Amino acid sequence: MATRLTVVAGLLALALVSVLTGVASLSGDPWLVLVSRLPRTAAAMLAGAGLAVSGVIMQMLVRNRFVEPSTAGTGQAAGFGLVAVTLLYPAAGIWLKMLAAIATALAGTAGFLALVRRLPPRDPLLVPLTGIVYGGIIGAATTFLAFERDLIQYISIWMNGEFSGVMLGRYEYLWIAGGLTVLAYLYADRFTIAGIGEDASRNLGLNYGQVMAIGLAIVSVVTAVTVVTVGMIPFVGLVVPNIVSRLMGENLRRTLPIVAASGAGLVLACDIIGRLIRFPFEIPVGTVLGVVGAVVFLWLLHVRPRPAR
């Protein structure tokens, strides 16, 4: 209970700081809070919560603690769908781009899961390394298509997450990610059982294929919606679930709300840092999280969790 109160209090404090932080003065334009500051704060929280929950679901399904959507090809596949639909139908609306990104994210994540099944289970680092190479190949294909059609600047916007363009009316699709986060909580016990392994899950009466399909859909849709709305945000689904699991264990029914709130707080904190570090200019939150996430990831690789007492 104390941990939950601490996380919630910290998230509320970060939300208040986010609303009060910016170049424009709120006294000169009080509507700025409703039009820009609150939507930006909500977008950061929804994206962070959704990506953190997607990360923990993917880790349970793959049974590896070092994977998340941006290191398993899901985000890169969503970017490929955006480029493809832009080339085939340049006048496509945002909803059509989102559907294309969801479809390619589903296909990309399914391809990653198929690759993982062929890997020997003895070395856990083979899975994230495979995911990084797999995502790199998809990203290279996306970049090649964008380069051939003079869309490099276009694709760079989608691949580098930032919230400077978020305003009222331009972030609401992220509420889909919020709804799927709630759905993930309803299936938390099933995801926990699925994390034991396919044979053990089936012996316990779990419909393993259905749970895999639901988890795959949640991860793919949340990632695609985030990429289309604010761009790719790395490492959230990797570092947050690992830290929470080390502190609170593997029971998703108990830890998933903390994972969601911690992911929201991490993205919000990095967005605030990006706004302040070179004020009045901004550094994209994806860049800040790339540095912070890489440092934490290296720490996770080298520091073993303490044995339970």
C-alpha atoms as a PDB file:
ATOM      1  CA  MET A   1       0.000   0.000   0.000  1.00  0.00           C
ATOM      2  CA  ALA A   2       2.826   2.414   0.843  1.00  0.00           C
ATOM      3  CA  THR A   3       4.442   1.742  -2.533  1.00  0.00           C
ATOM      4  CA  ARG A   4       1.208   2.469  -4.374  1.00  0.00           C
ATOM      5  CA  LEU A   5       0.636   5.701  -2.484  1.00  0.00           C
ATOM      6  CA  THR A   6       4.203   6.807  -3.198  1.00  0.00           C
ATOM      7  CA  VAL A   7       3.874   6.081  -6.929  1.00  0.00           C
ATOM      8  CA  VAL A   8       0.498   7.835  -7.196  1.00  0.00           C
ATOM      9  CA  ALA A   9       1.735  10.861  -5.234  1.00  0.00           C
ATOM     10  CA  GLY A  10       4.827  11.105  -7.432  1.00  0.00           C
ATOM     11  CA  LEU A  11       2.708  10.837 -10.594  1.00  0.00           C
ATOM     12  CA  LEU A  12       0.368  13.602  -9.439  1.00  0.00           C
ATOM     13  CA  ALA A  13       3.333  15.826  -8.572  1.00  0.00           C
ATOM     14  CA  LEU A  14       4.870  15.250 -12.017  1.00  0.00           C
ATOM     15  CA  ALA A  15       1.532  16.008 -13.680  1.00  0.00           C
ATOM     16  CA  LEU A  16       1.320  19.320 -11.829  1.00  0.00           C
ATOM     17  CA  VAL A  17       4.885  20.229 -12.806  1.00  0.00           C
ATOM     18  CA  SER A  18       4.120  19.315 -16.423  1.00  0.00           C
ATOM     19  CA  VAL A  19       1.064  21.575 -16.530  1.00  0.00           C
ATOM     20  CA  LEU A  20       3.045  24.495 -15.077  1.00  0.00           C
ATOM     21  CA  THR A  21       6.121  24.005 -17.302  1.00  0.00           C
ATOM     22  CA  GLY A  22       6.375  25.753 -20.653  1.00  0.00           C
ATOM     23  CA  VAL A  23       7.542  28.802 -22.550  1.00  0.00           C
ATOM     24  CA  ALA A  24       4.210  30.625 -22.682  1.00  0.00           C
ATOM     25  CA  SER A  25       2.868  32.259 -19.517  1.00  0.00           C
ATOM     26  CA  LEU A  26      -0.400  30.862 -18.197  1.00  0.00           C
ATOM     27  CA  SER A  27      -1.380  34.284 -16.833  1.00  0.00           C
ATOM     28  CA  GLY A  28      -1.329  35.725 -20.336  1.00  0.00           C
ATOM     29  CA  ASP A  29      -3.424  32.917 -21.847  1.00  0.00           C
ATOM     30  CA  PRO A  30      -5.359  30.828 -19.302  1.00  0.00           C
ATOM     31  CA  TRP A  31      -6.913  28.709 -22.086  1.00  0.00           C
ATOM     32  CA  LEU A  32      -3.436  27.372 -22.795  1.00  0.00           C
ATOM     33  CA  VAL A  33      -3.917  24.878 -19.962  1.00  0.00           C
ATOM     34  CA  LEU A  34      -6.952  23.273 -21.610  1.00  0.00           C
ATOM     35  CA  VAL A  35      -5.696  23.499 -25.186  1.00  0.00           C
ATOM     36  CA  SER A  36      -2.051  22.450 -24.758  1.00  0.00           C
ATOM     37  CA  ARG A  37      -0.708  21.706 -21.263  1.00  0.00           C
ATOM     38  CA  LEU A  38      -3.366  19.242 -20.056  1.00  0.00           C
ATOM     39  CA  PRO A  39      -3.511  17.345 -23.394  1.00  0.00           C
ATOM     40  CA  ARG A  40       0.282  17.088 -23.425  1.00  0.00           C
ATOM     41  CA  THR A  41       0.349  15.812 -19.849  1.00  0.00           C
ATOM     42  CA  ALA A  42      -2.436  13.316 -20.566  1.00  0.00           C
ATOM     43  CA  ALA A  43      -0.692  12.129 -23.749  1.00  0.00           C
ATOM     44  CA  ALA A  44       2.567  11.483 -21.903  1.00  0.00           C
ATOM     45  CA  MET A  45       0.788   9.571 -19.148  1.00  0.00           C
ATOM     46  CA  LEU A  46      -1.313   7.466 -21.539  1.00  0.00           C
ATOM     47  CA  ALA A  47       1.644   6.638 -23.772  1.00  0.00           C
ATOM     48  CA  GLY A  48       3.869   5.739 -20.815  1.00  0.00           C
ATOM     49  CA  ALA A  49       1.248   3.576 -19.109  1.00  0.00           C
ATOM     50  CA  GLY A  50       0.362   1.762 -22.338  1.00  0.00           C
ATOM     51  CA  LEU A  51       3.962   1.065 -23.348  1.00  0.00           C
ATOM     52  CA  ALA A  52       4.937  -0.124 -19.866  1.00  0.00           C
ATOM     53  CA  VAL A  53       1.996  -2.550 -19.737  1.00  0.00           C
ATOM     54  CA  SER A  54       2.736  -3.707 -23.299  1.00  0.00           C
ATOM     55  CA  GLY A  55       6.308  -4.398 -22.248  1.00  0.00           C
ATOM     56  CA  VAL A  56       5.337  -6.562 -19.289  1.00  0.00           C
ATOM     57  CA  ILE A  57       2.808  -8.491 -21.416  1.00  0.00           C
ATOM     58  CA  MET A  58       5.421  -9.175 -24.083  1.00  0.00           C
ATOM     59  CA  GLN A  59       7.912 -10.300 -21.446  1.00  0.00           C
ATOM     60  CA  MET A  60       5.364 -12.725 -20.016  1.00  0.00           C
ATOM     61  CA  LEU A  61       4.447 -14.162 -23.410  1.00  0.00           C
ATOM     62  CA  VAL A  62       8.066 -14.523 -24.559  1.00  0.00           C
ATOM     63  CA  ARG A  63       9.255 -15.511 -21.066  1.00  0.00           C
ATOM     64  CA  ASN A  64      12.198 -13.150 -21.276  1.00  0.00           C
ATOM     65  CA  ARG A  65      12.780 -10.015 -19.207  1.00  0.00           C
ATOM     66  CA  PHE A  66      14.834  -8.179 -21.833  1.00  0.00           C
ATOM     67  CA  VAL A  67      12.254  -7.571 -24.558  1.00  0.00           C
ATOM     68  CA  GLU A  68       9.752  -4.805 -25.213  1.00  0.00           C
ATOM     69  CA  PRO A  69       7.960  -3.393 -28.301  1.00  0.00           C
ATOM     70  CA  SER A  70      10.880  -1.220 -29.453  1.00  0.00           C
ATOM     71  CA  THR A  71      13.399  -4.096 -29.157  1.00  0.00           C
ATOM     72  CA  ALA A  72      11.171  -6.757 -30.741  1.00  0.00           C
ATOM     73  CA  GLY A  73      10.370  -5.104 -34.063  1.00  0.00           C
ATOM     74  CA  THR A  74       6.831  -4.011 -33.117  1.00  0.00           C
ATOM     75  CA  GLY A  75       7.525  -0.277 -33.280  1.00  0.00           C
ATOM     76  CA  GLN A  76       9.632  -0.628 -36.420  1.00  0.00           C
ATOM     77  CA  ALA A  77       6.880  -2.668 -38.097  1.00  0.00           C
ATOM     78  CA  ALA A  78       4.328   0.044 -37.232  1.00  0.00           C
ATOM     79  CA  GLY A  79       6.640   2.593 -38.874  1.00  0.00           C
ATOM     80  CA  PHE A  80       6.847   0.390 -41.967  1.00  0.00           C
ATOM     81  CA  GLY A  81       3.060   0.395 -42.190  1.00  0.00           C
ATOM     82  CA  LEU A  82       2.998   4.186 -41.999  1.00  0.00           C
ATOM     83  CA  VAL A  83       5.468   4.525 -44.869  1.00  0.00           C
ATOM     84  CA  ALA A  84       3.673   1.890 -46.941  1.00  0.00           C
ATOM     85  CA  VAL A  85       0.242   3.503 -46.637  1.00  0.00           C
ATOM     86  CA  THR A  86       1.751   6.938 -47.339  1.00  0.00           C
ATOM     87  CA  LEU A  87       3.307   5.655 -50.562  1.00  0.00           C
ATOM     88  CA  LEU A  88       0.197   3.789 -51.693  1.00  0.00           C
ATOM     89  CA  TYR A  89      -2.358   6.409 -50.634  1.00  0.00           C
ATOM     90  CA  PRO A  90      -0.758   9.796 -49.823  1.00  0.00           C
ATOM     91  CA  ALA A  91      -4.103  11.393 -48.904  1.00  0.00           C
ATOM     92  CA  ALA A  92      -4.871   8.752 -46.260  1.00  0.00           C
ATOM     93  CA  GLY A  93      -6.404  10.047 -43.051  1.00  0.00           C
ATOM     94  CA  ILE A  94      -4.957   9.438 -39.625  1.00  0.00           C
ATOM     95  CA  TRP A  95      -7.364   6.553 -38.950  1.00  0.00           C
ATOM     96  CA  LEU A  96      -6.267   4.710 -42.104  1.00  0.00           C
ATOM     97  CA  LYS A  97      -2.606   5.218 -41.195  1.00  0.00           C
ATOM     98  CA  MET A  98      -3.350   3.852 -37.756  1.00  0.00           C
ATOM     99  CA  LEU A  99      -5.053   0.759 -39.159  1.00  0.00           C
ATOM    100  CA  ALA A 100      -2.086   0.127 -41.447  1.00  0.00           C
ATOM    101  CA  ALA A 101       0.339   0.561 -38.558  1.00  0.00           C
ATOM    102  CA  ILE A 102      -1.701  -1.836 -36.396  1.00  0.00           C
ATOM    103  CA  ALA A 103      -1.761  -4.471 -39.152  1.00  0.00           C
ATOM    104  CA  THR A 104       1.997  -4.340 -39.760  1.00  0.00           C
ATOM    105  CA  ALA A 105       2.697  -4.217 -36.007  1.00  0.00           C
ATOM    106  CA  LEU A 106       0.632  -7.384 -35.550  1.00  0.00           C
ATOM    107  CA  ALA A 107       2.493  -9.090 -38.386  1.00  0.00           C
ATOM    108  CA  GLY A 108       5.875  -7.914 -37.119  1.00  0.00           C
ATOM    109  CA  THR A 109       5.235  -9.053 -33.541  1.00  0.00           C
ATOM    110  CA  ALA A 110       3.919 -12.422 -34.735  1.00  0.00           C
ATOM    111  CA  GLY A 111       7.087 -12.831 -36.796  1.00  0.00           C
ATOM    112  CA  PHE A 112       9.226 -12.088 -33.748  1.00  0.00           C
ATOM    113  CA  LEU A 113       7.342 -14.652 -31.642  1.00  0.00           C
ATOM    114  CA  ALA A 114       7.835 -17.243 -34.386  1.00  0.00           C
ATOM    115  CA  LEU A 115      11.585 -16.532 -34.394  1.00  0.00           C
ATOM    116  CA  VAL A 116      11.814 -16.752 -30.606  1.00  0.00           C
ATOM    117  CA  ARG A 117      10.218 -20.203 -30.566  1.00  0.00           C
ATOM    118  CA  ARG A 118      13.173 -21.534 -32.586  1.00  0.00           C
ATOM    119  CA  LEU A 119      15.825 -20.192 -30.205  1.00  0.00           C
ATOM    120  CA  PRO A 120      17.461 -22.406 -27.564  1.00  0.00           C
ATOM    121  CA  PRO A 121      16.097 -21.491 -24.111  1.00  0.00           C
ATOM    122  CA  ARG A 122      19.444 -21.716 -22.341  1.00  0.00           C
ATOM    123  CA  ASP A 123      20.749 -18.227 -23.148  1.00  0.00           C
ATOM    124  CA  PRO A 124      18.214 -15.475 -22.273  1.00  0.00           C
ATOM    125  CA  LEU A 125      20.229 -12.777 -24.072  1.00  0.00           C
ATOM    126  CA  LEU A 126      19.664 -14.449 -27.451  1.00  0.00           C
ATOM    127  CA  VAL A 127      16.041 -13.269 -27.452  1.00  0.00           C
ATOM    128  CA  PRO A 128      16.674  -9.506 -27.109  1.00  0.00           C
ATOM    129  CA  LEU A 129      19.641  -9.718 -29.487  1.00  0.00           C
ATOM    130  CA  THR A 130      17.429 -11.432 -32.053  1.00  0.00           C
ATOM    131  CA  GLY A 131      14.769  -8.781 -31.507  1.00  0.00           C
ATOM    132  CA  ILE A 132      17.243  -5.946 -32.001  1.00  0.00           C
ATOM    133  CA  VAL A 133      18.528  -7.467 -35.257  1.00  0.00           C
ATOM    134  CA  TYR A 134      14.980  -8.237 -36.413  1.00  0.00           C
ATOM    135  CA  GLY A 135      13.809  -4.697 -35.660  1.00  0.00           C
ATOM    136  CA  GLY A 136      16.937  -3.304 -37.319  1.00  0.00           C
ATOM    137  CA  ILE A 137      16.138  -5.159 -40.540  1.00  0.00           C
ATOM    138  CA  ILE A 138      12.567  -3.843 -40.580  1.00  0.00           C
ATOM    139  CA  GLY A 139      13.814  -0.345 -39.753  1.00  0.00           C
ATOM    140  CA  ALA A 140      16.374  -0.518 -42.555  1.00  0.00           C
ATOM    141  CA  ALA A 141      13.685  -1.525 -45.055  1.00  0.00           C
ATOM    142  CA  THR A 142      11.517   1.353 -43.855  1.00  0.00           C
ATOM    143  CA  THR A 143      14.371   3.830 -44.177  1.00  0.00           C
ATOM    144  CA  PHE A 144      15.194   2.564 -47.672  1.00  0.00           C
ATOM    145  CA  LEU A 145      11.606   3.043 -48.835  1.00  0.00           C
ATOM    146  CA  ALA A 146      11.495   6.499 -47.269  1.00  0.00           C
ATOM    147  CA  PHE A 147      14.820   7.467 -48.855  1.00  0.00           C
ATOM    148  CA  GLU A 148      13.712   6.315 -52.312  1.00  0.00           C
ATOM    149  CA  ARG A 149      10.578   8.496 -52.091  1.00  0.00           C
ATOM    150  CA  ASP A 150      12.100  11.509 -50.290  1.00  0.00           C
ATOM    151  CA  LEU A 151      10.251  10.705 -47.056  1.00  0.00           C
ATOM    152  CA  ILE A 152      13.227  10.573 -44.682  1.00  0.00           C
ATOM    153  CA  GLN A 153      12.129  13.669 -42.780  1.00  0.00           C
ATOM    154  CA  TYR A 154       8.583  12.317 -42.649  1.00  0.00           C
ATOM    155  CA  ILE A 155       9.570   8.959 -41.164  1.00  0.00           C
ATOM    156  CA  SER A 156      12.012  10.552 -38.703  1.00  0.00           C
ATOM    157  CA  ILE A 157       9.070  12.368 -37.109  1.00  0.00           C
ATOM    158  CA  TRP A 158       7.247   9.088 -36.467  1.00  0.00           C
ATOM    159  CA  MET A 159      10.339   7.264 -35.223  1.00  0.00           C
ATOM    160  CA  ASN A 160      11.407   9.852 -32.628  1.00  0.00           C
ATOM    161  CA  GLY A 161       8.793  10.321 -29.936  1.00  0.00           C
ATOM    162  CA  GLU A 162       8.009  13.857 -28.825  1.00  0.00           C
ATOM    163  CA  PHE A 163       5.023  15.752 -27.426  1.00  0.00           C
ATOM    164  CA  SER A 164       5.624  19.300 -28.644  1.00  0.00           C
ATOM    165  CA  GLY A 165       2.869  19.014 -31.266  1.00  0.00           C
ATOM    166  CA  VAL A 166       0.264  17.564 -28.885  1.00  0.00           C
ATOM    167  CA  MET A 167      -2.808  19.765 -28.530  1.00  0.00           C
ATOM    168  CA  LEU A 168      -6.506  19.318 -27.869  1.00  0.00           C
ATOM    169  CA  GLY A 169      -7.898  17.276 -30.759  1.00  0.00           C
ATOM    170  CA  ARG A 170      -4.520  15.758 -31.703  1.00  0.00           C
ATOM    171  CA  TYR A 171      -3.908  13.158 -29.013  1.00  0.00           C
ATOM    172  CA  GLU A 172      -7.286  11.537 -28.310  1.00  0.00           C
ATOM    173  CA  TYR A 173      -6.396   8.264 -30.057  1.00  0.00           C
ATOM    174  CA  LEU A 174      -4.096   7.580 -27.122  1.00  0.00           C
ATOM    175  CA  TRP A 175      -7.190   6.891 -25.028  1.00  0.00           C
ATOM    176  CA  ILE A 176      -7.372   3.627 -26.995  1.00  0.00           C
ATOM    177  CA  ALA A 177      -4.065   2.706 -25.357  1.00  0.00           C
ATOM    178  CA  GLY A 178      -5.558   3.640 -21.998  1.00  0.00           C
ATOM    179  CA  GLY A 179      -8.560   1.388 -22.594  1.00  0.00           C
ATOM    180  CA  LEU A 180      -6.336  -1.527 -23.590  1.00  0.00           C
ATOM    181  CA  THR A 181      -4.318  -1.019 -20.421  1.00  0.00           C
ATOM    182  CA  VAL A 182      -7.510  -1.594 -18.433  1.00  0.00           C
ATOM    183  CA  LEU A 183      -8.255  -4.677 -20.557  1.00  0.00           C
ATOM    184  CA  ALA A 184      -4.773  -5.995 -19.775  1.00  0.00           C
ATOM    185  CA  TYR A 185      -5.550  -5.716 -16.064  1.00  0.00           C
ATOM    186  CA  LEU A 186      -8.681  -7.836 -16.546  1.00  0.00           C
ATOM    187  CA  TYR A 187      -6.492 -10.550 -18.093  1.00  0.00           C
ATOM    188  CA  ALA A 188      -3.629 -10.098 -15.617  1.00  0.00           C
ATOM    189  CA  ASP A 189      -4.039 -13.524 -13.986  1.00  0.00           C
ATOM    190  CA  ARG A 190      -4.079 -15.253 -17.383  1.00  0.00           C
ATOM    191  CA  PHE A 191      -0.909 -13.442 -18.480  1.00  0.00           C
ATOM    192  CA  THR A 192       0.780 -14.473 -15.225  1.00  0.00           C
ATOM    193  CA  ILE A 193      -0.088 -18.120 -15.844  1.00  0.00           C
ATOM    194  CA  ALA A 194       1.010 -17.867 -19.485  1.00  0.00           C
ATOM    195  CA  GLY A 195       4.386 -16.659 -18.245  1.00  0.00           C
ATOM    196  CA  ILE A 196       4.962 -20.077 -16.661  1.00  0.00           C
ATOM    197  CA  GLY A 197       5.118 -21.729 -20.086  1.00  0.00           C
ATOM    198  CA  GLU A 198       2.790 -23.270 -22.657  1.00  0.00           C
ATOM    199  CA  ASP A 199       2.693 -26.830 -21.295  1.00  0.00           C
ATOM    200  CA  ALA A 200       2.188 -25.790 -17.679  1.00  0.00           C
ATOM    201  CA  SER A 201      -0.468 -23.243 -18.695  1.00  0.00           C
ATOM    202  CA  ARG A 202      -2.458 -25.833 -20.638  1.00  0.00           C
ATOM    203  CA  ASN A 203      -2.217 -28.263 -17.729  1.00  0.00           C
ATOM    204  CA  LEU A 204      -3.763 -25.572 -15.512  1.00  0.00           C
ATOM    205  CA  GLY A 205      -6.679 -25.234 -17.925  1.00  0.00           C
ATOM    206  CA  LEU A 206      -5.611 -21.984 -19.607  1.00  0.00           C
ATOM    207  CA  ASN A 207      -6.542 -21.377 -23.242  1.00  0.00           C
ATOM    208  CA  TYR A 208      -2.956 -20.535 -24.121  1.00  0.00           C
ATOM    209  CA  GLY A 209      -3.615 -19.660 -27.769  1.00  0.00           C
ATOM    210  CA  GLN A 210      -6.366 -17.208 -26.862  1.00  0.00           C
ATOM    211  CA  VAL A 211      -4.239 -15.485 -24.240  1.00  0.00           C
ATOM    212  CA  MET A 212      -1.353 -15.215 -26.701  1.00  0.00           C
ATOM    213  CA  ALA A 213      -3.666 -13.678 -29.305  1.00  0.00           C
ATOM    214  CA  ILE A 214      -5.084 -11.145 -26.826  1.00  0.00           C
ATOM    215  CA  GLY A 215      -1.616 -10.211 -25.594  1.00  0.00           C
ATOM    216  CA  LEU A 216      -0.345  -9.866 -29.156  1.00  0.00           C
ATOM    217  CA  ALA A 217      -3.288  -7.614 -30.046  1.00  0.00           C
ATOM    218  CA  ILE A 218      -2.826  -5.384 -26.987  1.00  0.00           C
ATOM    219  CA  VAL A 219       0.913  -4.940 -27.577  1.00  0.00           C
ATOM    220  CA  SER A 220       0.508  -4.254 -31.299  1.00  0.00           C
ATOM    221  CA  VAL A 221      -2.408  -1.817 -31.030  1.00  0.00           C
ATOM    222  CA  VAL A 222      -0.886   0.166 -28.147  1.00  0.00           C
ATOM    223  CA  THR A 223       2.462   0.424 -29.950  1.00  0.00           C
ATOM    224  CA  ALA A 224       0.881   1.426 -33.275  1.00  0.00           C
ATOM    225  CA  VAL A 225      -1.397   4.032 -31.693  1.00  0.00           C
ATOM    226  CA  THR A 226       1.551   5.531 -29.815  1.00  0.00           C
ATOM    227  CA  VAL A 227       3.802   5.630 -32.886  1.00  0.00           C
ATOM    228  CA  VAL A 228       1.100   7.257 -35.034  1.00  0.00           C
ATOM    229  CA  THR A 229       0.150   9.825 -32.389  1.00  0.00           C
ATOM    230  CA  VAL A 230       3.445  10.864 -30.761  1.00  0.00           C
ATOM    231  CA  GLY A 231       6.167   8.684 -32.333  1.00  0.00           C
ATOM    232  CA  MET A 232       8.268   5.800 -31.033  1.00  0.00           C
ATOM    233  CA  ILE A 233       9.241   6.000 -27.366  1.00  0.00           C
ATOM    234  CA  PRO A 234      11.962   3.481 -26.430  1.00  0.00           C
ATOM    235  CA  PHE A 235      12.836   1.527 -23.280  1.00  0.00           C
ATOM    236  CA  VAL A 236       9.656   2.271 -21.269  1.00  0.00           C
ATOM    237  CA  GLY A 237       8.387  -1.290 -21.627  1.00  0.00           C
ATOM    238  CA  LEU A 238      11.806  -2.644 -20.711  1.00  0.00           C
ATOM    239  CA  VAL A 239      13.011  -0.783 -17.645  1.00  0.00           C
ATOM    240  CA  VAL A 240       9.708  -0.207 -15.813  1.00  0.00           C
ATOM    241  CA  PRO A 241       8.500  -3.856 -15.668  1.00  0.00           C
ATOM    242  CA  ASN A 242      11.965  -5.062 -14.644  1.00  0.00           C
ATOM    243  CA  ILE A 243      12.283  -2.604 -11.782  1.00  0.00           C
ATOM    244  CA  VAL A 244       8.730  -3.249 -10.545  1.00  0.00           C
ATOM    245  CA  SER A 245       9.161  -7.032 -10.713  1.00  0.00           C
ATOM    246  CA  ARG A 246      12.373  -6.808  -8.682  1.00  0.00           C
ATOM    247  CA  LEU A 247      10.557  -4.840  -5.989  1.00  0.00           C
ATOM    248  CA  MET A 248       7.119  -6.498  -5.999  1.00  0.00           C
ATOM    249  CA  GLY A 249       7.369  -9.882  -7.734  1.00  0.00           C
ATOM    250  CA  GLU A 250       5.683 -11.394 -10.793  1.00  0.00           C
ATOM    251  CA  ASN A 251       1.972 -11.351  -9.873  1.00  0.00           C
ATOM    252  CA  LEU A 252       0.493  -9.046 -12.529  1.00  0.00           C
ATOM    253  CA  ARG A 253      -2.792  -8.655 -10.689  1.00  0.00           C
ATOM    254  CA  ARG A 254      -0.852  -6.894  -7.947  1.00  0.00           C
ATOM    255  CA  THR A 255       1.868  -5.168  -9.952  1.00  0.00           C
ATOM    256  CA  LEU A 256       0.166  -4.070 -13.187  1.00  0.00           C
ATOM    257  CA  PRO A 257      -1.303  -0.821 -11.743  1.00  0.00           C
ATOM    258  CA  ILE A 258       2.162   0.074 -10.425  1.00  0.00           C
ATOM    259  CA  VAL A 259       3.705  -0.742 -13.811  1.00  0.00           C
ATOM    260  CA  ALA A 260       1.192   1.526 -15.575  1.00  0.00           C
ATOM    261  CA  ALA A 261       1.625   4.396 -13.123  1.00  0.00           C
ATOM    262  CA  SER A 262       5.418   4.077 -13.143  1.00  0.00           C
ATOM    263  CA  GLY A 263       5.508   4.051 -16.953  1.00  0.00           C
ATOM    264  CA  ALA A 264       3.341   7.168 -17.036  1.00  0.00           C
ATOM    265  CA  GLY A 265       5.598   8.854 -14.484  1.00  0.00           C
ATOM    266  CA  LEU A 266       8.796   7.922 -16.336  1.00  0.00           C
ATOM    267  CA  VAL A 267       7.616   9.356 -19.663  1.00  0.00           C
ATOM    268  CA  LEU A 268       6.233  12.446 -17.942  1.00  0.00           C
ATOM    269  CA  ALA A 269       9.503  13.023 -16.063  1.00  0.00           C
ATOM    270  CA  CYS A 270      11.588  12.632 -19.227  1.00  0.00           C
ATOM    271  CA  ASP A 271       9.272  15.017 -21.089  1.00  0.00           C
ATOM    272  CA  ILE A 272       9.738  17.615 -18.350  1.00  0.00           C
ATOM    273  CA  ILE A 273      13.519  17.133 -18.472  1.00  0.00           C
ATOM    274  CA  GLY A 274      13.435  17.564 -22.248  1.00  0.00           C
ATOM    275  CA  ARG A 275      11.578  20.854 -21.845  1.00  0.00           C
ATOM    276  CA  LEU A 276      13.894  22.220 -19.156  1.00  0.00           C
ATOM    277  CA  ILE A 277      17.386  21.065 -20.103  1.00  0.00           C
ATOM    278  CA  ARG A 278      17.706  23.589 -22.964  1.00  0.00           C
ATOM    279  CA  PHE A 279      14.865  25.941 -22.075  1.00  0.00           C
ATOM    280  CA  PRO A 280      13.158  27.546 -24.018  1.00  0.00           C
ATOM    281  CA  PHE A 281      14.049  24.866 -26.621  1.00  0.00           C
ATOM    282  CA  GLU A 282      12.966  21.240 -26.314  1.00  0.00           C
ATOM    283  CA  ILE A 283      14.704  17.886 -26.577  1.00  0.00           C
ATOM    284  CA  PRO A 284      12.354  15.086 -27.770  1.00  0.00           C
ATOM    285  CA  VAL A 285      11.289  12.703 -25.051  1.00  0.00           C
ATOM    286  CA  GLY A 286      12.487   9.796 -27.217  1.00  0.00           C
ATOM    287  CA  THR A 287      16.035  11.177 -27.078  1.00  0.00           C
ATOM    288  CA  VAL A 288      15.939  11.642 -23.299  1.00  0.00           C
ATOM    289  CA  LEU A 289      14.509   8.162 -22.772  1.00  0.00           C
ATOM    290  CA  GLY A 290      17.098   6.709 -25.143  1.00  0.00           C
ATOM    291  CA  VAL A 291      19.844   7.904 -22.802  1.00  0.00           C
ATOM    292  CA  VAL A 292      18.056   7.134 -19.524  1.00  0.00           C
ATOM    293  CA  GLY A 293      16.767   3.771 -20.756  1.00  0.00           C
ATOM    294  CA  ALA A 294      20.178   2.661 -22.044  1.00  0.00           C
ATOM    295  CA  VAL A 295      21.799   3.415 -18.684  1.00  0.00           C
ATOM    296  CA  VAL A 296      19.091   1.564 -16.746  1.00  0.00           C
ATOM    297  CA  PHE A 297      19.209  -1.360 -19.198  1.00  0.00           C
ATOM    298  CA  LEU A 298      22.956  -1.754 -18.650  1.00  0.00           C
ATOM    299  CA  TRP A 299      22.355  -1.635 -14.900  1.00  0.00           C
ATOM    300  CA  LEU A 300      19.714  -4.366 -15.206  1.00  0.00           C
ATOM    301  CA  LEU A 301      22.162  -6.555 -17.127  1.00  0.00           C
ATOM    302  CA  HIS A 302      24.938  -6.239 -14.556  1.00  0.00           C
ATOM    303  CA  VAL A 303      23.076  -6.117 -11.241  1.00  0.00           C
ATOM    304  CA  ARG A 304      21.334  -9.282 -10.148  1.00  0.00           C
ATOM    305  CA  PRO A 305      18.149  -9.060  -8.091  1.00  0.00           C
ATOM    306  CA  ARG A 306      18.489  -9.752  -4.402  1.00  0.00           C
ATOM    307  CA  PRO A 307      17.355 -13.221  -3.342  1.00  0.00           C
ATOM    308  CA  ALA A 308      13.980 -13.318  -1.604  1.00  0.00           C
ATOM    309  CA  ARG A 309      14.122 -13.555   2.164  1.00  0.00           C
END
